[in-house]
Amino acid sequence: MEECETVAKTGKELDNKPRDNINSKPVAPENVLTAMIHSSQQMNQVLQQAWDTRPENEPELEDQLLSILAASQKLEREIKTIIAQQSQENSLE
């Protein structure tokens, strides 16, 4: 019971902290894109691990995983395309 109270207290304390540091610094678009590509690559690795360790004889689960993997890979390609376009635009300036 004490652990639950501690977690609840900690969560409440975190919510009450000022978040000025998030809003005070402008973030460059290339930094956002770099973070997005990094996150999407991590997500793809985790999804690939989920695929590799999926239970056998569960076609519905396989379909769901394949669909999620395809969407995740598409997202990564789209982010890479945006990064390439940004890079090209920056080199023309």
Protein backbone atom coordinates (compact mmCIF):
# COMPACT_ATOMS: atom_id res chain seq x y z
CA MET A 1 0.00 0.00 0.00
CA GLU A 2 2.85 2.38 0.79
CA GLU A 3 4.29 1.85 -2.70
CA CYS A 4 1.01 2.94 -4.31
CA GLU A 5 0.91 6.07 -2.19
CA THR A 6 4.52 6.85 -3.08
CA VAL A 7 3.83 6.42 -6.78
CA ALA A 8 0.74 8.59 -6.55
CA LYS A 9 2.64 11.25 -4.65
CA THR A 10 5.54 11.13 -7.08
CA GLY A 11 3.20 11.46 -10.05
CA LYS A 12 1.46 14.39 -8.46
CA GLU A 13 4.75 16.07 -7.65
CA LEU A 14 5.93 15.62 -11.24
CA ASP A 15 2.75 17.18 -12.59
CA ASN A 16 3.21 20.27 -10.42
CA LYS A 17 6.75 21.03 -11.60
CA PRO A 18 7.15 24.02 -13.88
CA ARG A 19 7.81 23.14 -17.49
CA ASP A 20 9.52 26.36 -18.50
CA ASN A 21 12.56 24.50 -19.75
CA ILE A 22 10.49 22.84 -22.47
CA ASN A 23 9.01 26.06 -23.79
CA SER A 24 11.95 28.38 -23.29
CA LYS A 25 14.26 27.04 -26.00
CA PRO A 26 13.37 27.09 -29.67
CA VAL A 27 13.89 23.73 -31.31
CA ALA A 28 15.38 23.60 -34.78
CA PRO A 29 13.34 21.58 -37.29
CA GLU A 30 16.34 19.41 -38.13
CA ASN A 31 16.64 18.44 -34.46
CA VAL A 32 13.00 17.41 -34.38
CA LEU A 33 13.44 15.36 -37.54
CA THR A 34 16.57 13.71 -36.17
CA ALA A 35 14.70 12.76 -32.99
CA MET A 36 11.79 11.46 -35.06
CA ILE A 37 13.98 9.27 -37.25
CA HIS A 38 15.78 7.92 -34.19
CA SER A 39 12.45 7.09 -32.52
CA SER A 40 11.04 5.47 -35.64
CA GLN A 41 14.15 3.32 -36.02
CA GLN A 42 13.86 2.18 -32.42
CA MET A 43 10.18 1.43 -32.95
CA ASN A 44 10.97 -0.62 -36.05
CA GLN A 45 13.57 -2.63 -34.12
CA VAL A 46 11.07 -3.38 -31.35
CA LEU A 47 8.39 -4.32 -33.86
CA GLN A 48 10.85 -6.60 -35.66
CA GLN A 49 11.66 -8.28 -32.34
CA ALA A 50 7.93 -8.70 -31.70
CA TRP A 51 7.61 -10.29 -35.14
CA ASP A 52 10.57 -12.60 -34.51
CA THR A 53 9.12 -13.79 -31.19
CA ARG A 54 5.44 -13.93 -32.17
CA PRO A 55 3.46 -17.00 -31.13
CA GLU A 56 2.82 -19.59 -33.81
CA ASN A 57 -0.61 -20.27 -35.30
CA GLU A 58 -2.04 -16.82 -34.56
CA PRO A 59 -2.88 -15.40 -38.00
CA GLU A 60 -4.82 -12.43 -36.58
CA LEU A 61 -1.80 -11.38 -34.52
CA GLU A 62 0.50 -11.83 -37.52
CA ASP A 63 -1.80 -9.65 -39.63
CA GLN A 64 -1.80 -6.94 -36.98
CA LEU A 65 1.99 -7.03 -36.59
CA LEU A 66 2.52 -6.92 -40.35
CA SER A 67 0.18 -3.97 -40.65
CA ILE A 68 1.92 -2.09 -37.84
CA LEU A 69 5.36 -2.92 -39.25
CA ALA A 70 4.35 -1.67 -42.69
CA ALA A 71 2.98 1.59 -41.27
CA SER A 72 6.07 2.10 -39.15
CA GLN A 73 8.41 1.49 -42.07
CA LYS A 74 6.36 3.87 -44.22
CA LEU A 75 6.64 6.53 -41.50
CA GLU A 76 10.42 6.10 -41.39
CA ARG A 77 10.65 6.44 -45.18
CA GLU A 78 8.54 9.59 -45.09
CA ILE A 79 10.71 11.13 -42.38
CA LYS A 80 13.84 10.30 -44.39
CA THR A 81 12.26 11.94 -47.44
CA ILE A 82 11.55 15.10 -45.45
CA ILE A 83 15.12 15.12 -44.11
CA ALA A 84 16.49 14.76 -47.64
CA GLN A 85 14.26 17.60 -48.87
CA GLN A 86 15.35 19.82 -45.98
CA SER A 87 18.97 19.02 -46.67
CA GLN A 88 18.54 19.83 -50.35
CA GLU A 89 16.77 23.12 -49.58
CA ASN A 90 19.49 24.10 -47.12
CA SER A 91 22.23 23.39 -49.65
CA LEU A 92 20.52 25.67 -52.20
CA GLU A 93 20.46 28.60 -49.80
